[in-house]
Structures are given as structure tokens and as C-alpha cells.
């Protein structure tokens, strides 16, 4: 496999989608950090989460090519016009580029974002129910 560090706009895209309304039926995306401590994706934490995701991606590239490069700098900038299909493709790309490290070191937000994106949101189900279609149509 060839690996590369995804561009900052790729991370912006993922985080923008994760910050959107109706991402999960249980509220904002969050992940377990330590015993009793949770982190949540918000506009205030988006830059920190983006840096975590890029660091994981860089660790993967470094492991693949036996390098010790530092991750690129990152500051979150909201992306416009995101769709669910584009988001799923962006998640698949990111996961492929960040898969070379062991599972224990992987960035927890990555797994939270993926789980949320893979199930239809409550909003999608409610909209489909009102229109008489299924959420997967």
C-alpha cells in the first residue's frame, strides 16, 4: 500500500460533517479518554481533534516508510456543502491512510466519527418516515 498524509482540507471536511446537526441520535460526537473522562467534538475542540487525526495519519505514514516526520500544523476551517456520501468516502480514505499503526495507538475520534457516519441519523429516519420512503433509499 502507498500512504500519504491527507491535506488539511480533508480533515476540515470530516470535522465539519461531525459538527453538523443530527450526526448521532445521542448528541455530539464524543470519545472516552481516561477513566471517567470524555472529550466532545465542538467548534472549540475541532482544531485539537484535527491535530490528533493528522498526527495519527502521520504516524501511519512514518510506520509505512520508516520515517520520523512530524505531523503538519493544523487549524480548523469549516468546510461548506458536505454530503453524507462524500463524508463516507472521505472517512474511508482517511482510515486507509491511517491504518499502518497498531490499533491501540489509533486516534479515538476517528472511530467515533466512523461509527456515527455509518448509521443513518435520526433526522434522516424522521424525514424518510414523513415522506413514506426508507432512510436508505
N, C-alpha and C. Protein backbone atom coordinates (compact mmCIF):
# COMPACT_ATOMS: atom_id res chain seq x y z
N UNK A 1 0.84 -1.17 0.00
CA UNK A 1 0.00 0.00 0.00
C UNK A 1 0.89 1.24 0.00
N UNK A 2 0.50 2.25 -0.72
CA UNK A 2 1.17 3.54 -0.60
C UNK A 2 0.35 4.39 0.36
N UNK A 3 1.04 5.19 1.14
CA UNK A 3 0.35 6.01 2.13
C UNK A 3 0.76 7.46 1.98
N UNK A 4 -0.15 8.35 2.31
CA UNK A 4 0.15 9.79 2.29
C UNK A 4 -0.61 10.46 3.41
N UNK A 5 -0.14 11.64 3.78
CA UNK A 5 -0.84 12.44 4.78
C UNK A 5 -1.92 13.24 4.06
N UNK A 6 -3.16 13.06 4.49
CA UNK A 6 -4.27 13.77 3.84
C UNK A 6 -4.10 15.27 4.06
N UNK A 7 -4.58 16.08 3.13
CA UNK A 7 -4.46 17.53 3.30
C UNK A 7 -5.37 18.06 4.41
N UNK A 8 -5.04 19.22 4.90
CA UNK A 8 -5.81 19.85 5.98
C UNK A 8 -7.29 19.99 5.60
N UNK A 9 -7.59 20.30 4.35
CA UNK A 9 -8.99 20.45 3.94
C UNK A 9 -9.76 19.14 4.08
N UNK A 10 -9.08 18.01 3.94
CA UNK A 10 -9.71 16.71 4.13
C UNK A 10 -10.18 16.59 5.59
N UNK A 11 -9.32 16.97 6.52
CA UNK A 11 -9.67 16.93 7.94
C UNK A 11 -10.77 17.95 8.23
N UNK A 12 -10.67 19.14 7.63
CA UNK A 12 -11.73 20.15 7.79
C UNK A 12 -13.08 19.56 7.38
N UNK A 13 -13.08 18.85 6.28
CA UNK A 13 -14.31 18.25 5.75
C UNK A 13 -14.91 17.28 6.76
N UNK A 14 -14.07 16.37 7.27
CA UNK A 14 -14.55 15.37 8.24
C UNK A 14 -15.10 16.04 9.49
N UNK A 15 -14.37 17.01 10.01
CA UNK A 15 -14.81 17.67 11.24
C UNK A 15 -16.06 18.50 11.03
N UNK A 16 -16.15 19.18 9.89
CA UNK A 16 -17.35 19.95 9.59
C UNK A 16 -18.57 19.05 9.60
N UNK A 17 -18.45 17.89 8.97
CA UNK A 17 -19.57 16.95 8.95
C UNK A 17 -19.87 16.46 10.36
N UNK A 18 -18.83 16.19 11.14
CA UNK A 18 -19.01 15.73 12.51
C UNK A 18 -19.66 16.78 13.41
N UNK A 19 -19.49 18.04 13.08
CA UNK A 19 -20.08 19.12 13.86
C UNK A 19 -21.51 19.43 13.45
N UNK A 20 -21.94 18.87 12.32
CA UNK A 20 -23.26 19.18 11.79
C UNK A 20 -24.39 18.69 12.67
N UNK A 21 -25.59 19.20 12.42
CA UNK A 21 -26.75 18.76 13.20
C UNK A 21 -27.11 17.31 12.87
N UNK A 22 -27.66 16.63 13.82
CA UNK A 22 -28.18 15.27 13.62
C UNK A 22 -27.10 14.27 13.24
N UNK A 23 -25.89 14.44 13.76
CA UNK A 23 -24.84 13.48 13.46
C UNK A 23 -25.13 12.16 14.16
N UNK A 24 -25.54 12.21 15.41
CA UNK A 24 -25.90 10.99 16.12
C UNK A 24 -27.21 11.23 16.85
N UNK A 25 -27.87 10.17 17.17
CA UNK A 25 -29.12 10.29 17.92
C UNK A 25 -28.85 10.59 19.39
N UNK A 26 -27.59 10.45 19.82
CA UNK A 26 -27.22 10.65 21.22
C UNK A 26 -26.51 11.98 21.46
N UNK A 27 -26.54 12.88 20.51
CA UNK A 27 -25.90 14.18 20.70
C UNK A 27 -24.55 14.24 19.99
N UNK A 28 -23.70 15.17 20.41
CA UNK A 28 -22.42 15.39 19.74
C UNK A 28 -21.51 14.16 19.80
N UNK A 29 -20.57 14.10 18.87
CA UNK A 29 -19.58 13.02 18.85
C UNK A 29 -18.68 13.18 20.08
N UNK A 30 -18.50 12.08 20.81
CA UNK A 30 -17.61 12.10 21.97
C UNK A 30 -16.88 10.77 22.06
N UNK A 31 -15.77 10.78 22.77
CA UNK A 31 -14.96 9.57 22.91
C UNK A 31 -14.34 9.54 24.29
N UNK A 32 -14.07 8.34 24.74
CA UNK A 32 -13.52 8.09 26.06
C UNK A 32 -12.02 8.36 26.04
N UNK A 33 -11.53 9.14 27.01
CA UNK A 33 -10.11 9.46 27.10
C UNK A 33 -9.46 8.65 28.21
N UNK A 34 -9.94 8.78 29.42
CA UNK A 34 -9.44 8.03 30.57
C UNK A 34 -10.64 7.65 31.43
N UNK A 35 -10.37 6.96 32.53
CA UNK A 35 -11.47 6.58 33.42
C UNK A 35 -12.30 7.80 33.82
N UNK A 36 -13.53 7.80 33.40
CA UNK A 36 -14.45 8.86 33.76
C UNK A 36 -14.30 10.14 32.95
N UNK A 37 -13.34 10.21 32.05
CA UNK A 37 -13.16 11.44 31.27
C UNK A 37 -13.53 11.20 29.81
N UNK A 38 -14.33 12.11 29.29
CA UNK A 38 -14.76 12.07 27.90
C UNK A 38 -14.40 13.38 27.23
N UNK A 39 -14.14 13.32 25.95
CA UNK A 39 -13.93 14.53 25.13
C UNK A 39 -15.08 14.60 24.14
N UNK A 40 -15.40 15.82 23.70
CA UNK A 40 -16.50 16.02 22.78
C UNK A 40 -16.03 16.89 21.62
N UNK A 41 -16.51 16.56 20.42
CA UNK A 41 -16.21 17.39 19.25
C UNK A 41 -17.11 18.61 19.27
N UNK A 42 -16.50 19.78 19.38
CA UNK A 42 -17.20 21.06 19.32
C UNK A 42 -16.36 21.99 18.45
N UNK A 43 -16.89 23.14 18.13
CA UNK A 43 -16.09 24.12 17.37
C UNK A 43 -14.82 24.48 18.15
N UNK A 44 -14.92 24.52 19.46
CA UNK A 44 -13.77 24.87 20.29
C UNK A 44 -12.71 23.77 20.30
N UNK A 45 -13.10 22.51 20.15
CA UNK A 45 -12.13 21.41 20.19
C UNK A 45 -11.75 20.91 18.79
N UNK A 46 -12.36 21.46 17.75
CA UNK A 46 -12.13 20.95 16.39
C UNK A 46 -10.66 21.02 15.97
N UNK A 47 -9.96 22.09 16.30
CA UNK A 47 -8.54 22.18 15.94
C UNK A 47 -7.74 21.10 16.65
N UNK A 48 -8.00 20.89 17.94
CA UNK A 48 -7.31 19.84 18.70
C UNK A 48 -7.59 18.46 18.10
N UNK A 49 -8.84 18.18 17.77
CA UNK A 49 -9.21 16.89 17.19
C UNK A 49 -8.55 16.72 15.83
N UNK A 50 -8.56 17.77 15.01
CA UNK A 50 -7.91 17.72 13.71
C UNK A 50 -6.43 17.41 13.83
N UNK A 51 -5.77 18.02 14.81
CA UNK A 51 -4.34 17.74 15.05
C UNK A 51 -4.13 16.29 15.46
N UNK A 52 -5.05 15.74 16.27
CA UNK A 52 -4.96 14.32 16.66
C UNK A 52 -5.09 13.43 15.43
N UNK A 53 -6.05 13.75 14.57
CA UNK A 53 -6.26 12.93 13.37
C UNK A 53 -5.07 13.01 12.43
N UNK A 54 -4.52 14.21 12.23
CA UNK A 54 -3.34 14.34 11.37
C UNK A 54 -2.12 13.65 11.99
N UNK A 55 -1.97 13.72 13.30
CA UNK A 55 -0.86 13.04 13.97
C UNK A 55 -0.95 11.53 13.76
N UNK A 56 -2.16 10.99 13.85
CA UNK A 56 -2.35 9.55 13.62
C UNK A 56 -2.02 9.20 12.17
N UNK A 57 -2.46 10.01 11.25
CA UNK A 57 -2.17 9.80 9.83
C UNK A 57 -0.65 9.84 9.60
N UNK A 58 0.03 10.82 10.22
CA UNK A 58 1.49 10.92 10.05
C UNK A 58 2.19 9.73 10.67
N UNK A 59 1.72 9.24 11.84
CA UNK A 59 2.31 8.03 12.44
C UNK A 59 2.21 6.85 11.49
N UNK A 60 1.09 6.75 10.80
CA UNK A 60 0.89 5.66 9.85
C UNK A 60 1.87 5.76 8.69
N UNK A 61 2.01 6.95 8.12
CA UNK A 61 2.95 7.15 7.01
C UNK A 61 4.38 6.89 7.50
N UNK A 62 4.71 7.37 8.68
CA UNK A 62 6.05 7.13 9.23
C UNK A 62 6.32 5.64 9.43
N UNK A 63 5.33 4.90 9.93
CA UNK A 63 5.49 3.46 10.12
C UNK A 63 5.67 2.76 8.78
N UNK A 64 4.93 3.17 7.81
CA UNK A 64 4.99 2.54 6.48
C UNK A 64 6.35 2.75 5.81
N UNK A 65 6.89 3.96 5.94
CA UNK A 65 8.13 4.30 5.22
C UNK A 65 9.34 4.47 6.14
N UNK A 66 9.25 3.99 7.38
CA UNK A 66 10.34 4.08 8.36
C UNK A 66 10.90 5.51 8.43
N UNK A 67 10.00 6.46 8.63
CA UNK A 67 10.39 7.87 8.76
C UNK A 67 10.02 8.37 10.15
N UNK A 68 10.46 9.57 10.47
CA UNK A 68 10.13 10.19 11.75
C UNK A 68 9.68 11.62 11.55
N UNK A 69 8.87 11.86 10.52
CA UNK A 69 8.39 13.21 10.22
C UNK A 69 7.34 13.64 11.25
N UNK A 70 7.33 14.92 11.54
CA UNK A 70 6.31 15.50 12.43
C UNK A 70 5.05 15.75 11.62
N UNK A 71 3.88 15.68 12.27
CA UNK A 71 2.65 15.98 11.54
C UNK A 71 2.61 17.45 11.13
N UNK A 72 1.88 17.76 10.06
CA UNK A 72 1.77 19.16 9.64
C UNK A 72 0.99 19.98 10.67
N UNK A 73 1.20 21.28 10.65
CA UNK A 73 0.42 22.15 11.54
C UNK A 73 -1.02 22.16 11.04
N UNK A 74 -1.93 22.48 11.94
CA UNK A 74 -3.35 22.43 11.56
C UNK A 74 -4.15 23.40 12.39
N UNK A 75 -5.06 24.09 11.73
CA UNK A 75 -6.09 24.92 12.36
C UNK A 75 -7.39 24.67 11.62
N UNK A 76 -8.43 24.33 12.34
CA UNK A 76 -9.72 24.00 11.74
C UNK A 76 -10.31 25.20 11.01
N UNK A 77 -10.79 24.93 9.79
CA UNK A 77 -11.56 25.90 9.00
C UNK A 77 -12.79 25.18 8.48
N UNK A 78 -13.99 25.62 8.84
CA UNK A 78 -15.21 24.94 8.40
C UNK A 78 -15.27 24.81 6.88
N UNK A 79 -15.80 23.70 6.44
CA UNK A 79 -15.96 23.39 5.02
C UNK A 79 -17.43 23.59 4.67
N UNK A 80 -17.70 23.95 3.45
CA UNK A 80 -19.09 24.17 3.04
C UNK A 80 -19.61 22.99 2.23
N UNK A 81 -20.91 22.81 2.27
CA UNK A 81 -21.60 21.87 1.39
C UNK A 81 -21.09 20.43 1.49
N UNK A 82 -21.18 19.86 2.67
CA UNK A 82 -20.80 18.46 2.84
C UNK A 82 -22.02 17.56 2.64
N UNK A 83 -21.81 16.38 2.07
CA UNK A 83 -22.89 15.40 1.91
C UNK A 83 -22.49 14.11 2.62
N UNK A 84 -23.46 13.28 2.93
CA UNK A 84 -23.18 12.02 3.63
C UNK A 84 -22.30 11.10 2.79
N UNK A 85 -22.57 10.98 1.50
CA UNK A 85 -21.77 10.09 0.65
C UNK A 85 -20.33 10.57 0.56
N UNK A 86 -20.14 11.86 0.36
CA UNK A 86 -18.78 12.40 0.32
C UNK A 86 -18.07 12.18 1.64
N UNK A 87 -18.80 12.32 2.73
CA UNK A 87 -18.21 12.11 4.05
C UNK A 87 -17.77 10.66 4.23
N UNK A 88 -18.60 9.71 3.82
CA UNK A 88 -18.23 8.30 3.93
C UNK A 88 -16.98 8.00 3.11
N UNK A 89 -16.88 8.57 1.93
CA UNK A 89 -15.69 8.37 1.09
C UNK A 89 -14.46 9.01 1.74
N UNK A 90 -14.64 10.18 2.32
CA UNK A 90 -13.53 10.86 3.00
C UNK A 90 -13.07 10.05 4.21
N UNK A 91 -14.01 9.47 4.95
CA UNK A 91 -13.66 8.63 6.10
C UNK A 91 -12.90 7.40 5.63
N UNK A 92 -13.38 6.76 4.57
CA UNK A 92 -12.70 5.57 4.04
C UNK A 92 -11.27 5.91 3.62
N UNK A 93 -11.08 7.03 2.96
CA UNK A 93 -9.75 7.47 2.55
C UNK A 93 -8.87 7.69 3.77
N UNK A 94 -9.37 8.43 4.74
CA UNK A 94 -8.59 8.71 5.94
C UNK A 94 -8.21 7.42 6.65
N UNK A 95 -9.17 6.52 6.83
CA UNK A 95 -8.88 5.26 7.53
C UNK A 95 -7.80 4.47 6.80
N UNK A 96 -7.86 4.45 5.48
CA UNK A 96 -6.85 3.73 4.69
C UNK A 96 -5.48 4.35 4.89
N UNK A 97 -5.41 5.67 4.94
CA UNK A 97 -4.13 6.35 5.09
C UNK A 97 -3.59 6.28 6.52
N UNK A 98 -4.45 6.00 7.49
CA UNK A 98 -4.04 5.99 8.89
C UNK A 98 -4.05 4.59 9.50
N UNK A 99 -3.98 3.55 8.67
CA UNK A 99 -4.16 2.18 9.18
C UNK A 99 -2.87 1.44 9.49
N UNK A 100 -1.72 2.04 9.30
CA UNK A 100 -0.46 1.32 9.46
C UNK A 100 0.03 1.22 10.90
N UNK A 101 -0.60 1.92 11.84
CA UNK A 101 -0.19 1.83 13.24
C UNK A 101 -1.03 0.78 13.95
N UNK A 102 -0.58 0.38 15.14
CA UNK A 102 -1.36 -0.62 15.86
C UNK A 102 -2.65 -0.01 16.39
N UNK A 103 -3.65 -0.85 16.60
CA UNK A 103 -4.99 -0.38 16.98
C UNK A 103 -4.98 0.39 18.30
N UNK A 104 -4.09 0.05 19.21
CA UNK A 104 -4.05 0.73 20.50
C UNK A 104 -3.65 2.18 20.42
N UNK A 105 -2.91 2.55 19.36
CA UNK A 105 -2.45 3.94 19.27
C UNK A 105 -3.36 4.79 18.40
N UNK A 106 -4.36 4.21 17.78
CA UNK A 106 -5.20 4.97 16.85
C UNK A 106 -6.00 6.04 17.57
N UNK A 107 -6.19 7.14 16.88
CA UNK A 107 -6.94 8.26 17.45
C UNK A 107 -8.39 7.87 17.68
N UNK A 108 -8.86 7.97 18.89
CA UNK A 108 -10.22 7.57 19.22
C UNK A 108 -11.29 8.37 18.48
N UNK A 109 -11.08 9.66 18.19
CA UNK A 109 -12.11 10.37 17.43
C UNK A 109 -12.38 9.75 16.06
N UNK A 110 -11.38 9.14 15.47
CA UNK A 110 -11.55 8.50 14.16
C UNK A 110 -12.64 7.45 14.24
N UNK A 111 -12.59 6.61 15.26
CA UNK A 111 -13.56 5.53 15.40
C UNK A 111 -14.95 6.08 15.73
N UNK A 112 -15.01 7.13 16.54
CA UNK A 112 -16.30 7.74 16.87
C UNK A 112 -16.95 8.34 15.64
N UNK A 113 -16.17 9.08 14.84
CA UNK A 113 -16.71 9.69 13.64
C UNK A 113 -17.21 8.62 12.69
N UNK A 114 -16.47 7.54 12.52
CA UNK A 114 -16.86 6.48 11.60
C UNK A 114 -18.15 5.82 12.04
N UNK A 115 -18.27 5.50 13.33
CA UNK A 115 -19.49 4.86 13.82
C UNK A 115 -20.70 5.75 13.57
N UNK A 116 -20.55 7.04 13.80
CA UNK A 116 -21.67 7.97 13.60
C UNK A 116 -22.04 8.09 12.14
N UNK A 117 -21.07 8.13 11.28
CA UNK A 117 -21.35 8.30 9.85
C UNK A 117 -21.95 7.04 9.24
N UNK A 118 -21.66 5.89 9.79
CA UNK A 118 -22.13 4.64 9.19
C UNK A 118 -23.59 4.33 9.50
N UNK A 119 -24.18 4.96 10.51
CA UNK A 119 -25.60 4.70 10.77
C UNK A 119 -26.41 5.93 10.39
N UNK A 120 -27.59 5.72 9.82
CA UNK A 120 -28.41 6.86 9.43
C UNK A 120 -28.76 7.70 10.65
N UNK A 121 -28.80 8.97 10.48
CA UNK A 121 -29.12 9.85 11.61
C UNK A 121 -30.62 9.80 11.89
N UNK A 122 -30.98 10.23 13.08
CA UNK A 122 -32.38 10.33 13.45
C UNK A 122 -33.10 11.25 12.47
N UNK A 123 -32.45 12.34 12.09
CA UNK A 123 -33.03 13.29 11.13
C UNK A 123 -33.38 12.58 9.83
N UNK A 124 -32.47 11.74 9.30
CA UNK A 124 -32.73 11.02 8.05
C UNK A 124 -33.92 10.08 8.18
N UNK A 125 -34.00 9.37 9.31
CA UNK A 125 -35.12 8.45 9.51
C UNK A 125 -36.43 9.20 9.63
N UNK A 126 -36.43 10.32 10.38
CA UNK A 126 -37.65 11.11 10.54
C UNK A 126 -38.11 11.68 9.21
N UNK A 127 -37.18 12.19 8.42
CA UNK A 127 -37.51 12.75 7.11
C UNK A 127 -38.07 11.66 6.21
N UNK A 128 -37.44 10.49 6.22
CA UNK A 128 -37.90 9.37 5.38
C UNK A 128 -39.29 8.91 5.82
N UNK A 129 -39.53 8.85 7.13
CA UNK A 129 -40.82 8.39 7.63
C UNK A 129 -41.94 9.32 7.16
N UNK A 130 -41.68 10.63 7.22
CA UNK A 130 -42.68 11.61 6.79
C UNK A 130 -42.96 11.51 5.29
N UNK A 131 -41.91 11.15 4.50
CA UNK A 131 -42.09 11.11 3.06
C UNK A 131 -42.58 9.75 2.58
N UNK A 132 -42.59 8.75 3.50
CA UNK A 132 -43.03 7.40 3.14
C UNK A 132 -41.92 6.55 2.54
N UNK A 133 -40.69 7.04 2.50
CA UNK A 133 -39.55 6.28 1.99
C UNK A 133 -38.75 5.73 3.14
N UNK A 134 -37.78 4.87 2.84
CA UNK A 134 -36.90 4.38 3.88
C UNK A 134 -35.67 5.28 3.92
N UNK A 135 -34.98 5.34 5.05
CA UNK A 135 -33.81 6.21 5.21
C UNK A 135 -32.69 5.80 4.29
N UNK A 136 -32.68 4.54 3.85
CA UNK A 136 -31.59 4.08 2.98
C UNK A 136 -31.88 4.27 1.50
N UNK A 137 -33.12 4.73 1.15
CA UNK A 137 -33.45 4.95 -0.26
C UNK A 137 -32.68 6.10 -0.85
